[in-house]
Every structure is written in C-alpha cells, then in structure tokens.
Amino acid sequence: MIPNARKGLHLNTERVIILPMKIAINIRIPKEMKKALDKIAEDEFRSTNSVILQFLDEKLKSKEIDWRSKGQKSKT
C-alpha cells in the first residue's frame, strides 16, 4: 500500500501492471461501457487505461495464457 499524503488515502499497488508500452490500439466501445470503466477508475484512483489492462490481464490468466513470457504458453 502506498499512502497518498495529500488526501490521506492508501492505494493498493498489488494489482498495478507496470510495463513498457510498445503499441497503442484503438477500440470502439459503447458509451455506457466507457462511463462504467471511468467510474471504476475514479473509485480506485487509477486511469481508465490501467483498469482496462487489469481486466485484460485477469481474462488472459483465467484462460491460463502467460502473455508475459516470450512463448505465450497456454493450456489449450
């Protein structure tokens, strides 16, 4: 946990993905989905981008896809 001295808040850094970004992609999502993602990000004091990365990472893990390794191993 990292304390935020300005607001007396504690941020959970255990779920933060910090990697050098290599590419940018554009996606189209429904406006209401974007609002929902923005709300989650605001509630967690994070960027919408980091929320989306977390969701994608969790989905890949649930499929047992190790995207961080060079071989991208999967169970299937």
N, C-alpha and C. Protein backbone atom coordinates (compact mmCIF):
# COMPACT_ATOMS: atom_id res chain seq x y z
N MET A 1 0.84 -1.19 0.00
CA MET A 1 0.00 0.00 0.00
C MET A 1 0.88 1.25 0.00
N ILE A 2 0.51 2.20 -0.81
CA ILE A 2 1.21 3.48 -0.86
C ILE A 2 0.28 4.56 -0.33
N PRO A 3 0.71 5.26 0.73
CA PRO A 3 -0.15 6.33 1.24
C PRO A 3 -0.13 7.53 0.31
N ASN A 4 -1.27 8.15 0.16
CA ASN A 4 -1.38 9.39 -0.60
C ASN A 4 -1.49 10.51 0.43
N ALA A 5 -0.39 11.23 0.62
CA ALA A 5 -0.31 12.22 1.69
C ALA A 5 -1.31 13.37 1.50
N ARG A 6 -1.60 13.72 0.27
CA ARG A 6 -2.48 14.86 0.04
C ARG A 6 -3.90 14.59 0.50
N LYS A 7 -4.38 13.39 0.33
CA LYS A 7 -5.77 13.10 0.66
C LYS A 7 -5.90 12.08 1.79
N GLY A 8 -4.78 11.62 2.33
CA GLY A 8 -4.83 10.63 3.40
C GLY A 8 -5.37 9.29 2.91
N LEU A 9 -5.14 8.96 1.64
CA LEU A 9 -5.66 7.73 1.05
C LEU A 9 -4.54 6.70 0.92
N HIS A 10 -4.94 5.46 0.85
CA HIS A 10 -3.98 4.39 0.62
C HIS A 10 -4.36 3.68 -0.67
N LEU A 11 -3.42 3.57 -1.58
CA LEU A 11 -3.68 2.96 -2.87
C LEU A 11 -3.10 1.54 -2.88
N ASN A 12 -3.86 0.60 -3.38
CA ASN A 12 -3.42 -0.78 -3.49
C ASN A 12 -2.60 -0.92 -4.77
N THR A 13 -1.29 -1.16 -4.63
CA THR A 13 -0.44 -1.27 -5.81
C THR A 13 -0.19 -2.72 -6.20
N GLU A 14 -0.78 -3.67 -5.51
CA GLU A 14 -0.55 -5.08 -5.82
C GLU A 14 -1.11 -5.45 -7.17
N ARG A 15 -2.12 -4.75 -7.69
CA ARG A 15 -2.78 -5.11 -8.93
C ARG A 15 -2.35 -4.25 -10.10
N VAL A 16 -1.41 -3.34 -9.87
CA VAL A 16 -0.99 -2.42 -10.92
C VAL A 16 -0.03 -3.13 -11.87
N ILE A 17 -0.27 -2.98 -13.15
CA ILE A 17 0.60 -3.56 -14.17
C ILE A 17 1.49 -2.44 -14.70
N ILE A 18 2.80 -2.56 -14.49
CA ILE A 18 3.72 -1.54 -14.96
C ILE A 18 4.68 -2.20 -15.94
N LEU A 19 4.46 -1.94 -17.20
CA LEU A 19 5.30 -2.49 -18.25
C LEU A 19 5.58 -1.39 -19.27
N PRO A 20 6.71 -1.48 -19.95
CA PRO A 20 6.92 -0.51 -21.03
C PRO A 20 5.89 -0.74 -22.13
N MET A 21 5.25 0.33 -22.55
CA MET A 21 4.22 0.21 -23.58
C MET A 21 4.90 0.16 -24.95
N LYS A 22 4.46 -0.76 -25.76
CA LYS A 22 5.05 -0.94 -27.08
C LYS A 22 4.13 -0.47 -28.19
N ILE A 23 2.83 -0.66 -28.03
CA ILE A 23 1.90 -0.31 -29.10
C ILE A 23 0.67 0.37 -28.51
N ALA A 24 -0.03 1.06 -29.35
CA ALA A 24 -1.32 1.65 -28.98
C ALA A 24 -2.36 1.05 -29.91
N ILE A 25 -3.55 0.78 -29.36
CA ILE A 25 -4.64 0.29 -30.20
C ILE A 25 -5.86 1.16 -29.96
N ASN A 26 -6.68 1.24 -30.96
CA ASN A 26 -7.95 1.96 -30.85
C ASN A 26 -9.06 0.93 -30.88
N ILE A 27 -10.00 1.07 -29.95
CA ILE A 27 -11.16 0.19 -29.96
C ILE A 27 -12.41 1.05 -29.84
N ARG A 28 -13.50 0.52 -30.31
CA ARG A 28 -14.78 1.21 -30.17
C ARG A 28 -15.60 0.43 -29.16
N ILE A 29 -16.07 1.15 -28.15
CA ILE A 29 -16.91 0.53 -27.12
C ILE A 29 -18.15 1.40 -26.92
N PRO A 30 -19.21 0.80 -26.42
CA PRO A 30 -20.42 1.60 -26.14
C PRO A 30 -20.13 2.70 -25.11
N LYS A 31 -20.80 3.82 -25.29
CA LYS A 31 -20.61 4.96 -24.40
C LYS A 31 -20.84 4.59 -22.94
N GLU A 32 -21.86 3.78 -22.68
CA GLU A 32 -22.16 3.40 -21.29
C GLU A 32 -21.07 2.51 -20.70
N MET A 33 -20.44 1.68 -21.54
CA MET A 33 -19.32 0.86 -21.05
C MET A 33 -18.15 1.76 -20.66
N LYS A 34 -17.87 2.77 -21.47
CA LYS A 34 -16.80 3.71 -21.15
C LYS A 34 -17.09 4.44 -19.85
N LYS A 35 -18.33 4.85 -19.66
CA LYS A 35 -18.71 5.52 -18.41
C LYS A 35 -18.49 4.60 -17.21
N ALA A 36 -18.84 3.32 -17.37
CA ALA A 36 -18.66 2.35 -16.29
C ALA A 36 -17.17 2.16 -15.98
N LEU A 37 -16.35 2.07 -17.01
CA LEU A 37 -14.90 1.94 -16.80
C LEU A 37 -14.32 3.18 -16.15
N ASP A 38 -14.78 4.35 -16.58
CA ASP A 38 -14.33 5.61 -15.96
C ASP A 38 -14.70 5.66 -14.48
N LYS A 39 -15.88 5.18 -14.14
CA LYS A 39 -16.34 5.18 -12.74
C LYS A 39 -15.47 4.27 -11.89
N ILE A 40 -15.16 3.08 -12.41
CA ILE A 40 -14.27 2.17 -11.68
C ILE A 40 -12.91 2.83 -11.47
N ALA A 41 -12.37 3.42 -12.52
CA ALA A 41 -11.07 4.08 -12.43
C ALA A 41 -11.09 5.21 -11.40
N GLU A 42 -12.14 6.00 -11.43
CA GLU A 42 -12.26 7.11 -10.47
C GLU A 42 -12.34 6.58 -9.04
N ASP A 43 -13.14 5.55 -8.82
CA ASP A 43 -13.30 4.98 -7.49
C ASP A 43 -12.00 4.39 -6.95
N GLU A 44 -11.15 3.89 -7.86
CA GLU A 44 -9.90 3.26 -7.46
C GLU A 44 -8.70 4.19 -7.61
N PHE A 45 -8.95 5.48 -7.95
CA PHE A 45 -7.90 6.48 -8.12
C PHE A 45 -6.86 5.99 -9.13
N ARG A 46 -7.34 5.48 -10.27
CA ARG A 46 -6.47 4.96 -11.31
C ARG A 46 -6.93 5.51 -12.65
N SER A 47 -6.14 5.25 -13.67
CA SER A 47 -6.55 5.65 -15.02
C SER A 47 -7.47 4.59 -15.60
N THR A 48 -8.28 5.01 -16.54
CA THR A 48 -9.15 4.06 -17.24
C THR A 48 -8.29 3.04 -17.98
N ASN A 49 -7.18 3.47 -18.54
CA ASN A 49 -6.29 2.56 -19.24
C ASN A 49 -5.80 1.44 -18.32
N SER A 50 -5.41 1.78 -17.09
CA SER A 50 -4.90 0.75 -16.17
C SER A 50 -6.01 -0.22 -15.77
N VAL A 51 -7.24 0.26 -15.67
CA VAL A 51 -8.38 -0.62 -15.37
C VAL A 51 -8.58 -1.61 -16.51
N ILE A 52 -8.53 -1.12 -17.73
CA ILE A 52 -8.71 -2.00 -18.89
C ILE A 52 -7.57 -3.02 -18.96
N LEU A 53 -6.33 -2.59 -18.73
CA LEU A 53 -5.21 -3.53 -18.73
C LEU A 53 -5.39 -4.60 -17.66
N GLN A 54 -5.87 -4.20 -16.49
CA GLN A 54 -6.10 -5.17 -15.41
C GLN A 54 -7.14 -6.19 -15.84
N PHE A 55 -8.24 -5.74 -16.42
CA PHE A 55 -9.30 -6.66 -16.86
C PHE A 55 -8.77 -7.62 -17.92
N LEU A 56 -8.01 -7.12 -18.87
CA LEU A 56 -7.45 -7.98 -19.91
C LEU A 56 -6.47 -8.99 -19.32
N ASP A 57 -5.63 -8.54 -18.39
CA ASP A 57 -4.68 -9.43 -17.74
C ASP A 57 -5.41 -10.55 -16.98
N GLU A 58 -6.46 -10.18 -16.24
CA GLU A 58 -7.23 -11.18 -15.50
C GLU A 58 -7.89 -12.20 -16.43
N LYS A 59 -8.41 -11.74 -17.55
CA LYS A 59 -9.05 -12.65 -18.51
C LYS A 59 -8.02 -13.61 -19.11
N LEU A 60 -6.86 -13.10 -19.47
CA LEU A 60 -5.82 -13.97 -20.01
C LEU A 60 -5.36 -15.00 -18.98
N LYS A 61 -5.21 -14.58 -17.73
CA LYS A 61 -4.84 -15.52 -16.67
C LYS A 61 -5.90 -16.59 -16.49
N SER A 62 -7.18 -16.20 -16.59
CA SER A 62 -8.26 -17.17 -16.43
C SER A 62 -8.25 -18.21 -17.55
N LYS A 63 -7.68 -17.84 -18.69
CA LYS A 63 -7.53 -18.77 -19.83
C LYS A 63 -6.18 -19.47 -19.78
N GLU A 64 -5.43 -19.22 -18.69
CA GLU A 64 -4.09 -19.78 -18.48
C GLU A 64 -3.13 -19.43 -19.62
N ILE A 65 -3.24 -18.19 -20.07
CA ILE A 65 -2.34 -17.68 -21.10
C ILE A 65 -1.30 -16.79 -20.43
N ASP A 66 -0.04 -17.19 -20.53
CA ASP A 66 1.05 -16.44 -19.93
C ASP A 66 1.60 -15.49 -21.00
N TRP A 67 0.98 -14.35 -21.13
CA TRP A 67 1.36 -13.40 -22.17
C TRP A 67 2.68 -12.70 -21.88
N ARG A 68 3.14 -12.77 -20.64
CA ARG A 68 4.39 -12.10 -20.30
C ARG A 68 5.61 -12.88 -20.76
N SER A 69 5.46 -14.17 -20.98
CA SER A 69 6.59 -14.94 -21.47
C SER A 69 6.69 -14.82 -22.98
N LYS A 70 7.88 -15.02 -23.51
CA LYS A 70 8.07 -14.87 -24.95
C LYS A 70 7.33 -15.93 -25.74
N GLY A 71 7.14 -17.11 -25.17
CA GLY A 71 6.49 -18.19 -25.88
C GLY A 71 4.96 -18.14 -25.83
N GLN A 72 4.40 -17.29 -24.99
CA GLN A 72 2.95 -17.18 -24.80
C GLN A 72 2.31 -18.56 -24.68
N LYS A 73 2.69 -19.28 -23.63
CA LYS A 73 2.17 -20.61 -23.40
C LYS A 73 0.71 -20.57 -22.98
N SER A 74 -0.04 -21.54 -23.44
CA SER A 74 -1.42 -21.66 -22.98
C SER A 74 -1.71 -23.13 -22.72
N LYS A 75 -2.73 -23.39 -21.91
CA LYS A 75 -3.07 -24.75 -21.54
C LYS A 75 -3.67 -25.51 -22.71
N THR A 76 -4.38 -24.80 -23.59
CA THR A 76 -5.06 -25.47 -24.71
C THR A 76 -4.15 -25.72 -25.87
